[in-house]
């Protein structure tokens, strides 16, 4: 046997196995579509509510929230540093205020409209500070459909925003967007051809008390009612209501994004089509067809391959987007996840998830 060329001794360099990324994927410009920022000087206008305040205190005290410290309000150097370390080319910024501007509408509807404008003006300032790295989703005063339509038009046509985000239901009313009063807003999204991102928020108190509350255990209740389960359940309910109420059929050009690997809906696709047959309920399309045609799924910091594979298998590769859910998930975990994902999808499909699906939907190039 010929003598080998192997060298023995102390390793001096990192092995290629720890840095491998398929060559075709190295030029990907990763776009994060659910990346949050807070403007505390504006959110302080919303009257303090003991219910929301207690839940927020428990949520922000959770051990998983340590990374958030010092990052929620930062739109500058720290954010860019984190993006660079995570390989994120562009963040789509959105307000992370909970409760949002619609909750101010319970006490002062006009002030809620002005708050939404203030948030959007601040988002625009952050985008303008680094326009190659940031885009934005608008905050809309959904309690006022006429004002929402006007603000959406302003944000898209004047400020250059790429869509809008709604967190939770509509303020204290707990209404979902399948209510006919919101048809003008949904029509405006169709007219402008921008997506609506449905994001979770703290549910109405009655829901919390009956579904998620544990007497004397506020931290456990917060984990269960928010990111541990309840948030995802609420967004799924919202989307399914839009489908089975006929709202998606009424608004065929409406484009919706949901986060967190599809908010538990991919595993339910077969059940949707079995339990909601078109012929039985008078639908024009199956629920599965409605969802695959009009809903996009963002990964949103759930850096785990099985739910990603389920999303791809049920929705299709062209409907999956990347999001880190910054700063509630640490961006530094992104490269490891994308390397793992790159081992189970083709480089062209990885590029779709990370970059080109978002570019096509949001109409810009990273």
Protein backbone atom coordinates (compact mmCIF):
# COMPACT_ATOMS: atom_id res chain seq x y z
CA UNK A 1 0.00 0.00 0.00
CA UNK A 2 1.39 3.38 -1.00
CA UNK A 3 2.28 5.69 1.83
CA UNK A 4 -0.47 8.21 2.45
CA UNK A 5 -0.04 11.96 2.50
CA UNK A 6 -1.94 12.32 5.78
CA UNK A 7 -0.35 14.55 8.36
CA UNK A 8 -0.58 13.87 12.07
CA UNK A 9 -0.48 16.47 14.79
CA UNK A 10 -2.44 19.34 16.27
CA UNK A 11 -5.25 20.66 14.00
CA UNK A 12 -4.51 24.22 12.90
CA UNK A 13 -7.54 25.20 10.78
CA UNK A 14 -11.28 24.77 10.78
CA UNK A 15 -12.30 21.75 8.77
CA UNK A 16 -14.45 22.24 5.65
CA UNK A 17 -17.27 20.21 7.16
CA UNK A 18 -18.00 22.93 9.71
CA UNK A 19 -18.22 25.71 7.12
CA UNK A 20 -19.72 23.94 4.13
CA UNK A 21 -22.46 25.74 2.24
CA UNK A 22 -23.35 24.63 -1.27
CA UNK A 23 -21.47 26.86 -3.72
CA UNK A 24 -24.62 27.79 -5.67
CA UNK A 25 -26.17 29.10 -2.45
CA UNK A 26 -23.34 31.32 -1.30
CA UNK A 27 -24.59 34.35 -3.22
CA UNK A 28 -28.07 34.26 -1.67
CA UNK A 29 -29.25 37.63 -0.34
CA UNK A 30 -31.36 36.56 2.61
CA UNK A 31 -34.50 38.64 3.32
CA UNK A 32 -36.16 38.51 6.74
CA UNK A 33 -39.83 39.38 6.38
CA UNK A 34 -40.82 39.48 10.08
CA UNK A 35 -38.36 41.67 11.91
CA UNK A 36 -39.61 43.97 14.65
CA UNK A 37 -38.84 47.34 16.18
CA UNK A 38 -40.46 49.31 19.00
CA UNK A 39 -40.97 53.07 19.34
CA UNK A 40 -41.63 53.45 23.09
CA UNK A 41 -42.16 57.19 22.90
CA UNK A 42 -45.18 56.55 20.67
CA UNK A 43 -46.49 53.40 22.32
CA UNK A 44 -46.65 55.27 25.63
CA UNK A 45 -49.69 57.09 24.24
CA UNK A 46 -51.76 53.94 24.75
CA UNK A 47 -53.31 53.98 28.24
CA UNK A 48 -51.86 51.36 30.57
CA UNK A 49 -54.13 48.36 30.96
CA UNK A 50 -53.41 46.04 33.93
CA UNK A 51 -54.34 42.98 31.87
CA UNK A 52 -51.88 43.69 29.04
CA UNK A 53 -49.19 45.06 31.34
CA UNK A 54 -49.13 41.93 33.51
CA UNK A 55 -48.88 39.62 30.51
CA UNK A 56 -46.12 41.69 28.90
CA UNK A 57 -44.16 41.64 32.15
CA UNK A 58 -44.36 37.85 32.29
CA UNK A 59 -43.49 37.48 28.62
CA UNK A 60 -40.45 39.75 28.73
CA UNK A 61 -39.23 38.01 31.90
CA UNK A 62 -39.13 34.62 30.18
CA UNK A 63 -35.61 33.12 29.89
CA UNK A 64 -35.93 33.01 26.10
CA UNK A 65 -36.20 36.81 26.01
CA UNK A 66 -32.66 37.60 27.23
CA UNK A 67 -31.43 38.29 23.67
CA UNK A 68 -34.11 40.97 23.26
CA UNK A 69 -32.55 43.29 25.83
CA UNK A 70 -31.27 46.46 24.17
CA UNK A 71 -32.38 45.38 20.73
CA UNK A 72 -36.13 46.17 20.41
CA UNK A 73 -35.64 49.91 19.89
CA UNK A 74 -32.37 49.72 17.99
CA UNK A 75 -32.54 50.53 14.29
CA UNK A 76 -28.86 51.29 13.87
CA UNK A 77 -25.45 49.84 14.58
CA UNK A 78 -26.45 46.89 16.79
CA UNK A 79 -29.17 45.75 14.40
CA UNK A 80 -26.86 45.92 11.39
CA UNK A 81 -24.15 44.04 13.31
CA UNK A 82 -26.63 41.28 14.17
CA UNK A 83 -27.84 41.13 10.57
CA UNK A 84 -24.29 40.82 9.28
CA UNK A 85 -23.46 38.06 11.76
CA UNK A 86 -26.61 36.18 10.72
CA UNK A 87 -26.17 36.69 7.01
CA UNK A 88 -29.33 38.79 6.65
CA UNK A 89 -29.19 41.19 3.72
CA UNK A 90 -32.54 42.94 4.24
CA UNK A 91 -35.04 43.20 7.10
CA UNK A 92 -38.69 44.06 6.55
CA UNK A 93 -39.36 46.14 9.65
CA UNK A 94 -42.67 46.17 11.52
CA UNK A 95 -43.87 47.68 14.76
CA UNK A 96 -43.74 45.22 17.66
CA UNK A 97 -46.04 47.25 19.89
CA UNK A 98 -48.48 45.13 21.90
CA UNK A 99 -51.13 46.27 22.30
CA UNK A 100 -51.14 48.09 18.96
CA UNK A 101 -52.73 51.34 17.81
CA UNK A 102 -56.21 49.79 17.51
CA UNK A 103 -56.33 49.37 21.28
CA UNK A 104 -56.11 53.13 21.70
CA UNK A 105 -59.29 53.35 19.60
CA UNK A 106 -61.36 52.12 22.55
CA UNK A 107 -60.73 55.42 24.32
CA UNK A 108 -59.75 57.80 21.51
CA UNK A 109 -60.35 56.64 17.90
CA UNK A 110 -58.82 59.74 16.32
CA UNK A 111 -55.70 59.50 18.46
CA UNK A 112 -55.34 55.88 17.32
CA UNK A 113 -55.29 57.02 13.70
CA UNK A 114 -52.62 59.61 14.51
CA UNK A 115 -50.61 56.99 16.41
CA UNK A 116 -50.53 54.72 13.35
CA UNK A 117 -49.26 57.63 11.25
CA UNK A 118 -46.60 58.39 13.84
CA UNK A 119 -45.40 54.78 13.87
CA UNK A 120 -45.20 54.73 10.09
CA UNK A 121 -43.28 57.99 9.99
CA UNK A 122 -40.77 56.55 12.45
CA UNK A 123 -40.49 53.34 10.41
CA UNK A 124 -39.76 55.49 7.35
CA UNK A 125 -36.94 57.26 9.21
CA UNK A 126 -35.29 53.93 10.05
CA UNK A 127 -35.66 52.71 6.46
CA UNK A 128 -34.18 55.94 5.13
CA UNK A 129 -31.22 55.61 7.51
CA UNK A 130 -30.13 52.49 5.61
CA UNK A 131 -32.37 51.93 2.57
CA UNK A 132 -30.39 49.01 1.17
CA UNK A 133 -30.87 47.01 4.39
CA UNK A 134 -34.40 47.96 5.47
CA UNK A 135 -37.94 47.96 4.08
CA UNK A 136 -41.15 48.27 6.11
CA UNK A 137 -44.68 47.01 6.72
CA UNK A 138 -47.19 49.68 7.71
CA UNK A 139 -49.16 49.90 10.95
CA UNK A 140 -52.83 50.55 10.12
CA UNK A 141 -55.72 51.85 12.26
CA UNK A 142 -57.88 48.86 11.36
CA UNK A 143 -60.72 50.01 13.65
CA UNK A 144 -61.36 52.76 11.06
CA UNK A 145 -61.58 51.24 7.56
CA UNK A 146 -61.64 54.59 5.77
CA UNK A 147 -58.57 55.85 7.64
CA UNK A 148 -56.82 52.49 7.10
CA UNK A 149 -57.31 52.69 3.35
CA UNK A 150 -55.93 56.22 3.28
CA UNK A 151 -52.93 55.31 5.44
CA UNK A 152 -52.16 52.18 3.41
CA UNK A 153 -52.17 54.28 0.22
CA UNK A 154 -49.86 56.85 1.84
CA UNK A 155 -47.44 54.23 3.12
CA UNK A 156 -47.20 52.35 -0.17
CA UNK A 157 -47.33 55.18 -2.71
CA UNK A 158 -45.51 57.91 -0.76
CA UNK A 159 -43.33 56.16 1.82
CA UNK A 160 -42.42 53.12 -0.30
CA UNK A 161 -43.61 50.47 2.16
CA UNK A 162 -44.05 46.92 0.87
CA UNK A 163 -47.28 45.96 2.71
CA UNK A 164 -48.77 46.14 6.19
CA UNK A 165 -48.97 44.06 9.35
CA UNK A 166 -51.89 43.47 11.70
CA UNK A 167 -51.06 42.04 15.12
CA UNK A 168 -53.96 40.12 16.65
CA UNK A 169 -57.62 40.95 16.29
CA UNK A 170 -58.99 44.48 15.92
CA UNK A 171 -58.35 46.11 19.29
CA UNK A 172 -60.81 45.60 22.10
CA UNK A 173 -63.55 44.56 19.67
CA UNK A 174 -61.81 41.23 19.05
CA UNK A 175 -63.10 41.28 15.47
CA UNK A 176 -61.49 39.35 12.66
CA UNK A 177 -61.10 40.66 9.12
CA UNK A 178 -63.85 38.43 7.72
CA UNK A 179 -66.34 40.98 9.08
CA UNK A 180 -67.78 42.78 5.99
CA UNK A 181 -66.96 46.18 7.47
CA UNK A 182 -63.30 45.52 6.64
CA UNK A 183 -63.92 44.77 2.94
CA UNK A 184 -62.68 48.23 1.85
CA UNK A 185 -59.33 47.59 3.55
CA UNK A 186 -58.90 44.21 1.90
CA UNK A 187 -59.84 45.72 -1.45
CA UNK A 188 -57.14 48.36 -0.97
CA UNK A 189 -54.53 45.63 -0.50
CA UNK A 190 -55.72 44.08 -3.76
CA UNK A 191 -55.64 47.40 -5.60
CA UNK A 192 -52.12 48.23 -4.42
CA UNK A 193 -50.97 44.61 -4.84
CA UNK A 194 -49.17 44.44 -1.50
CA UNK A 195 -49.48 41.71 1.15
CA UNK A 196 -51.12 41.81 4.56
CA UNK A 197 -49.08 40.11 7.28
CA UNK A 198 -51.25 38.56 10.00
CA UNK A 199 -49.22 38.45 13.18
CA UNK A 200 -50.27 37.24 16.65
CA UNK A 201 -50.87 39.42 19.70
CA UNK A 202 -52.28 39.16 23.21
CA UNK A 203 -55.82 37.74 22.90
CA UNK A 204 -58.93 39.34 24.42
CA UNK A 205 -59.18 38.92 28.18
CA UNK A 206 -62.22 36.62 28.04
CA UNK A 207 -60.30 34.23 25.78
CA UNK A 208 -57.27 34.41 28.03
CA UNK A 209 -59.21 33.70 31.20
CA UNK A 210 -61.03 30.67 29.80
CA UNK A 211 -58.31 29.14 27.63
CA UNK A 212 -54.89 30.07 28.91
CA UNK A 213 -55.00 31.37 32.45
CA UNK A 214 -53.70 29.32 35.39
CA UNK A 215 -54.62 30.74 38.77
CA UNK A 216 -51.53 32.06 40.54
CA UNK A 217 -49.19 31.11 37.66
CA UNK A 218 -48.84 34.21 35.46
CA UNK A 219 -45.58 33.15 33.85
CA UNK A 220 -46.93 29.74 32.86
CA UNK A 221 -50.10 31.37 31.56
CA UNK A 222 -48.08 33.80 29.45
CA UNK A 223 -45.93 31.06 27.95
CA UNK A 224 -49.02 29.01 27.09
CA UNK A 225 -51.21 31.86 25.86
CA UNK A 226 -48.53 33.54 23.78
CA UNK A 227 -45.55 32.06 21.96
CA UNK A 228 -45.96 28.58 23.47
CA UNK A 229 -49.33 27.97 21.80
CA UNK A 230 -52.03 30.62 21.89
CA UNK A 231 -50.49 33.09 19.47
CA UNK A 232 -50.22 30.53 16.71
CA UNK A 233 -53.70 29.20 17.33
CA UNK A 234 -55.19 32.70 17.02
CA UNK A 235 -53.55 33.47 13.67
CA UNK A 236 -54.65 30.09 12.32
CA UNK A 237 -58.23 30.84 13.38
CA UNK A 238 -58.03 34.22 11.64
CA UNK A 239 -56.84 32.71 8.36
CA UNK A 240 -59.31 29.84 8.37
CA UNK A 241 -62.14 32.28 9.06
CA UNK A 242 -61.08 34.29 6.02
CA UNK A 243 -61.21 31.12 3.95
CA UNK A 244 -64.44 29.48 5.10
CA UNK A 245 -66.39 32.75 5.44
CA UNK A 246 -65.97 33.38 1.72
CA UNK A 247 -63.71 36.39 2.27
CA UNK A 248 -60.80 34.94 0.28
CA UNK A 249 -63.14 34.08 -2.58
CA UNK A 250 -64.51 37.63 -2.48
CA UNK A 251 -60.97 39.03 -2.50
CA UNK A 252 -59.16 36.70 -4.92
CA UNK A 253 -56.17 39.03 -5.32
CA UNK A 254 -55.60 39.44 -1.58
CA UNK A 255 -52.16 38.20 -0.50
CA UNK A 256 -51.60 37.18 3.11
CA UNK A 257 -48.43 36.25 4.97
CA UNK A 258 -48.41 34.30 8.21
CA UNK A 259 -45.35 33.47 10.27
CA UNK A 260 -44.00 30.73 12.50
CA UNK A 261 -43.90 28.00 9.86
CA UNK A 262 -47.59 28.42 9.00
CA UNK A 263 -49.03 28.84 12.51
CA UNK A 264 -49.72 25.09 12.82
CA UNK A 265 -51.84 24.96 9.64
CA UNK A 266 -49.61 22.77 7.40
CA UNK A 267 -50.30 19.66 9.47
CA UNK A 268 -54.05 20.34 9.21
CA UNK A 269 -54.33 20.71 5.43
CA UNK A 270 -55.84 17.29 4.83
CA UNK A 271 -58.34 17.83 7.64
CA UNK A 272 -59.37 21.21 6.18
CA UNK A 273 -60.23 19.67 2.83
CA UNK A 274 -62.03 16.72 4.41
CA UNK A 275 -64.12 18.66 6.93
CA UNK A 276 -64.87 21.69 4.76
CA UNK A 277 -65.89 20.15 1.40
CA UNK A 278 -66.79 22.64 -1.34
CA UNK A 279 -70.02 20.88 -2.20
CA UNK A 280 -71.16 20.78 1.39
CA UNK A 281 -70.57 24.45 2.19
CA UNK A 282 -70.90 26.09 -1.20
CA UNK A 283 -67.26 27.10 -1.53
CA UNK A 284 -65.93 28.00 -4.96
CA UNK A 285 -62.58 26.38 -4.14
CA UNK A 286 -61.31 23.92 -1.59
CA UNK A 287 -59.85 25.41 1.58
CA UNK A 288 -56.48 23.98 0.61
CA UNK A 289 -56.61 25.72 -2.75
CA UNK A 290 -57.59 29.02 -1.13
CA UNK A 291 -54.67 28.83 1.28
CA UNK A 292 -52.09 27.73 -1.25
CA UNK A 293 -53.23 30.42 -3.68
CA UNK A 294 -53.38 33.38 -1.31
CA UNK A 295 -51.28 32.67 1.78
CA UNK A 296 -47.48 32.72 2.13
CA UNK A 297 -45.69 31.09 5.08
CA UNK A 298 -42.70 32.66 6.85
CA UNK A 299 -40.29 30.63 8.98
CA UNK A 300 -40.17 33.33 11.68
CA UNK A 301 -37.44 32.05 13.94
CA UNK A 302 -38.73 28.48 14.26
CA UNK A 303 -35.36 27.12 13.26
CA UNK A 304 -36.32 23.46 13.00
CA UNK A 305 -36.34 21.38 9.84
CA UNK A 306 -39.45 19.17 10.34
CA UNK A 307 -41.96 22.07 10.34
CA UNK A 308 -40.14 23.66 7.41
CA UNK A 309 -40.41 20.42 5.47
CA UNK A 310 -44.11 20.19 6.33
CA UNK A 311 -44.65 23.74 5.09
CA UNK A 312 -42.86 22.99 1.83
CA UNK A 313 -44.74 19.71 1.36
CA UNK A 314 -48.19 21.20 1.94
CA UNK A 315 -47.88 24.76 0.62
CA UNK A 316 -45.19 24.36 -2.05
CA UNK A 317 -41.70 25.83 -2.24
CA UNK A 318 -42.92 29.03 -3.92
CA UNK A 319 -45.00 30.02 -0.89
CA UNK A 320 -42.33 29.73 1.83
CA UNK A 321 -40.41 32.82 3.02
CA UNK A 322 -37.57 33.37 5.43
CA UNK A 323 -37.90 35.39 8.65
CA UNK A 324 -35.75 35.46 11.77
CA UNK A 325 -38.35 37.14 14.03
CA UNK A 326 -35.65 39.54 15.23
CA UNK A 327 -35.04 40.52 17.98
CA UNK A 328 -37.18 37.87 19.65
CA UNK A 329 -34.97 35.19 18.12
CA UNK A 330 -31.24 35.61 17.81
CA UNK A 331 -30.05 36.19 14.27
CA UNK A 332 -26.75 34.45 14.97
CA UNK A 333 -28.59 31.11 14.76
CA UNK A 334 -29.58 31.70 11.14
CA UNK A 335 -26.43 30.36 9.37
CA UNK A 336 -26.58 27.00 11.15
CA UNK A 337 -30.27 26.60 10.29
CA UNK A 338 -29.78 27.56 6.64
CA UNK A 339 -26.87 25.16 6.31
CA UNK A 340 -29.08 22.37 7.63
CA UNK A 341 -31.93 23.42 5.33
CA UNK A 342 -29.50 23.53 2.43
CA UNK A 343 -28.79 19.84 2.98
CA UNK A 344 -32.43 18.86 2.41
CA UNK A 345 -33.52 21.25 -0.37
CA UNK A 346 -31.84 22.07 -3.67
CA UNK A 347 -29.82 25.30 -3.84
CA UNK A 348 -32.39 26.84 -6.19
CA UNK A 349 -35.15 26.10 -3.68
CA UNK A 350 -33.10 27.51 -0.80
CA UNK A 351 -32.70 30.70 -2.82
CA UNK A 352 -36.47 30.85 -3.31
CA UNK A 353 -37.13 30.56 0.43
CA UNK A 354 -34.44 33.04 1.46
CA UNK A 355 -34.63 35.58 -1.32
CA UNK A 356 -36.56 35.34 -4.57
CA UNK A 357 -40.00 34.42 -3.18
CA UNK A 358 -39.89 37.58 -1.06
CA UNK A 359 -38.55 39.65 -3.94
CA UNK A 360 -41.44 38.55 -6.15
CA UNK A 361 -44.09 39.09 -3.47
CA UNK A 362 -42.77 42.41 -2.17
CA UNK A 363 -41.53 43.69 -5.53
CA UNK A 364 -37.95 44.72 -4.80
CA UNK A 365 -34.48 43.25 -5.29
CA UNK A 366 -32.25 42.60 -2.28
